[in-house]
Amino acid sequence: MRKSLIPFIVLASLGTATAALALDATGTIKSIDQTNMTITLSDGTVYHFADTKTMQDQLSGVKPNDHVKLTWDMVGQDRQIEALDAVQG
């Protein structure tokens, strides 16, 4: 009996685990909205900062029309920025 429950327990625990996969995006900054803590790329995609400090740290040295690379995760309905770097090009 015990042996037959082990595969079931393993499968059940895998079904409840969720893996956060960071995604990357590159593009040109169209706008920065510090009130709503968002950045919009030229393709219209909006990305959100987790908090004001993160936003201030990440935006240091970038401005609209800069080309950037974002690393982000989906948090609820928002694309939340994990890292933002200016890139050449």
C-alpha atoms as a PDB file:
ATOM      1  CA  MET A   1       0.000   0.000   0.000  1.00  0.00           C
ATOM      2  CA  ARG A   2       2.764   2.407   0.947  1.00  0.00           C
ATOM      3  CA  LYS A   3       4.597   1.876  -2.370  1.00  0.00           C
ATOM      4  CA  SER A   4       1.486   2.705  -4.373  1.00  0.00           C
ATOM      5  CA  LEU A   5       1.044   6.070  -2.606  1.00  0.00           C
ATOM      6  CA  ILE A   6       4.578   7.350  -3.259  1.00  0.00           C
ATOM      7  CA  PRO A   7       4.124   8.060  -6.990  1.00  0.00           C
ATOM      8  CA  PHE A   8       0.807   9.768  -6.271  1.00  0.00           C
ATOM      9  CA  ILE A   9       2.371  11.995  -3.593  1.00  0.00           C
ATOM     10  CA  VAL A  10       5.262  12.919  -5.903  1.00  0.00           C
ATOM     11  CA  LEU A  11       2.912  13.789  -8.762  1.00  0.00           C
ATOM     12  CA  ALA A  12       0.626  15.798  -6.482  1.00  0.00           C
ATOM     13  CA  SER A  13       3.530  17.840  -5.135  1.00  0.00           C
ATOM     14  CA  LEU A  14       4.799  18.573  -8.648  1.00  0.00           C
ATOM     15  CA  GLY A  15       1.365  19.809  -9.645  1.00  0.00           C
ATOM     16  CA  THR A  16       1.310  22.400  -6.885  1.00  0.00           C
ATOM     17  CA  ALA A  17       4.833  23.700  -7.427  1.00  0.00           C
ATOM     18  CA  THR A  18       5.187  26.646  -9.754  1.00  0.00           C
ATOM     19  CA  ALA A  19       8.441  27.707 -11.304  1.00  0.00           C
ATOM     20  CA  ALA A  20       9.126  31.365 -11.929  1.00  0.00           C
ATOM     21  CA  LEU A  21      10.836  31.774 -15.248  1.00  0.00           C
ATOM     22  CA  ALA A  22      12.480  35.099 -15.909  1.00  0.00           C
ATOM     23  CA  LEU A  23      11.980  36.373 -19.436  1.00  0.00           C
ATOM     24  CA  ASP A  24      14.011  38.878 -21.441  1.00  0.00           C
ATOM     25  CA  ALA A  25      12.902  41.716 -23.665  1.00  0.00           C
ATOM     26  CA  THR A  26      14.821  44.335 -25.574  1.00  0.00           C
ATOM     27  CA  GLY A  27      13.562  47.554 -27.037  1.00  0.00           C
ATOM     28  CA  THR A  28      13.565  51.311 -27.015  1.00  0.00           C
ATOM     29  CA  ILE A  29      12.031  53.182 -24.094  1.00  0.00           C
ATOM     30  CA  LYS A  30       8.964  55.084 -25.295  1.00  0.00           C
ATOM     31  CA  SER A  31       7.980  56.511 -21.916  1.00  0.00           C
ATOM     32  CA  ILE A  32       8.634  56.342 -18.194  1.00  0.00           C
ATOM     33  CA  ASP A  33       5.725  56.858 -15.786  1.00  0.00           C
ATOM     34  CA  GLN A  34       7.136  57.348 -12.302  1.00  0.00           C
ATOM     35  CA  THR A  35       3.679  57.878 -10.761  1.00  0.00           C
ATOM     36  CA  ASN A  36       2.472  54.443 -11.866  1.00  0.00           C
ATOM     37  CA  MET A  37       5.984  52.947 -11.651  1.00  0.00           C
ATOM     38  CA  THR A  38       5.942  51.719 -15.267  1.00  0.00           C
ATOM     39  CA  ILE A  39       8.080  51.827 -18.349  1.00  0.00           C
ATOM     40  CA  THR A  40       6.663  51.460 -21.855  1.00  0.00           C
ATOM     41  CA  LEU A  41       8.733  50.232 -24.762  1.00  0.00           C
ATOM     42  CA  SER A  42       8.262  51.434 -28.324  1.00  0.00           C
ATOM     43  CA  ASP A  43       6.240  48.296 -29.162  1.00  0.00           C
ATOM     44  CA  GLY A  44       3.649  49.395 -26.570  1.00  0.00           C
ATOM     45  CA  THR A  45       4.449  46.744 -23.970  1.00  0.00           C
ATOM     46  CA  VAL A  46       4.222  48.068 -20.407  1.00  0.00           C
ATOM     47  CA  TYR A  47       6.485  46.793 -17.635  1.00  0.00           C
ATOM     48  CA  HIS A  48       6.049  47.507 -13.921  1.00  0.00           C
ATOM     49  CA  PHE A  49       8.531  48.116 -11.125  1.00  0.00           C
ATOM     50  CA  ALA A  50       7.976  46.317  -7.803  1.00  0.00           C
ATOM     51  CA  ASP A  51       8.504  49.458  -5.718  1.00  0.00           C
ATOM     52  CA  THR A  52       9.822  53.023  -5.827  1.00  0.00           C
ATOM     53  CA  LYS A  53      13.351  52.149  -4.689  1.00  0.00           C
ATOM     54  CA  THR A  54      13.689  49.447  -7.321  1.00  0.00           C
ATOM     55  CA  MET A  55      12.410  51.885  -9.950  1.00  0.00           C
ATOM     56  CA  GLN A  56      14.889  54.590  -8.946  1.00  0.00           C
ATOM     57  CA  ASP A  57      17.793  52.127  -8.907  1.00  0.00           C
ATOM     58  CA  GLN A  58      16.875  50.582 -12.271  1.00  0.00           C
ATOM     59  CA  LEU A  59      16.223  53.891 -14.041  1.00  0.00           C
ATOM     60  CA  SER A  60      19.540  55.384 -13.040  1.00  0.00           C
ATOM     61  CA  GLY A  61      21.210  56.402 -16.300  1.00  0.00           C
ATOM     62  CA  VAL A  62      18.370  55.564 -18.716  1.00  0.00           C
ATOM     63  CA  LYS A  63      15.817  57.831 -20.380  1.00  0.00           C
ATOM     64  CA  PRO A  64      13.227  57.724 -23.180  1.00  0.00           C
ATOM     65  CA  ASN A  65      14.714  56.730 -26.557  1.00  0.00           C
ATOM     66  CA  ASP A  66      17.430  54.617 -24.900  1.00  0.00           C
ATOM     67  CA  HIS A  67      17.731  51.000 -26.047  1.00  0.00           C
ATOM     68  CA  VAL A  68      17.389  48.619 -23.071  1.00  0.00           C
ATOM     69  CA  LYS A  69      17.296  44.973 -22.112  1.00  0.00           C
ATOM     70  CA  LEU A  70      14.741  43.971 -19.476  1.00  0.00           C
ATOM     71  CA  THR A  71      14.575  40.815 -17.428  1.00  0.00           C
ATOM     72  CA  TRP A  72      11.053  40.371 -16.119  1.00  0.00           C
ATOM     73  CA  ASP A  73       8.589  37.973 -14.513  1.00  0.00           C
ATOM     74  CA  MET A  74       4.824  37.796 -14.790  1.00  0.00           C
ATOM     75  CA  VAL A  75       3.362  38.761 -11.392  1.00  0.00           C
ATOM     76  CA  GLY A  76      -0.408  38.542 -11.499  1.00  0.00           C
ATOM     77  CA  GLN A  77      -1.362  40.535 -14.598  1.00  0.00           C
ATOM     78  CA  ASP A  78       1.822  42.659 -14.597  1.00  0.00           C
ATOM     79  CA  ARG A  79       5.175  42.236 -16.278  1.00  0.00           C
ATOM     80  CA  GLN A  80       7.412  43.018 -13.307  1.00  0.00           C
ATOM     81  CA  ILE A  81      10.948  44.228 -14.021  1.00  0.00           C
ATOM     82  CA  GLU A  82      13.702  42.258 -12.311  1.00  0.00           C
ATOM     83  CA  ALA A  83      16.626  43.962 -14.112  1.00  0.00           C
ATOM     84  CA  LEU A  84      17.004  46.765 -16.625  1.00  0.00           C
ATOM     85  CA  ASP A  85      20.214  47.541 -18.512  1.00  0.00           C
ATOM     86  CA  ALA A  86      21.044  50.036 -21.247  1.00  0.00           C
ATOM     87  CA  VAL A  87      22.454  48.382 -24.358  1.00  0.00           C
ATOM     88  CA  GLN A  88      24.227  49.733 -27.399  1.00  0.00           C
ATOM     89  CA  GLY A  89      22.338  49.691 -30.587  1.00  0.00           C
END
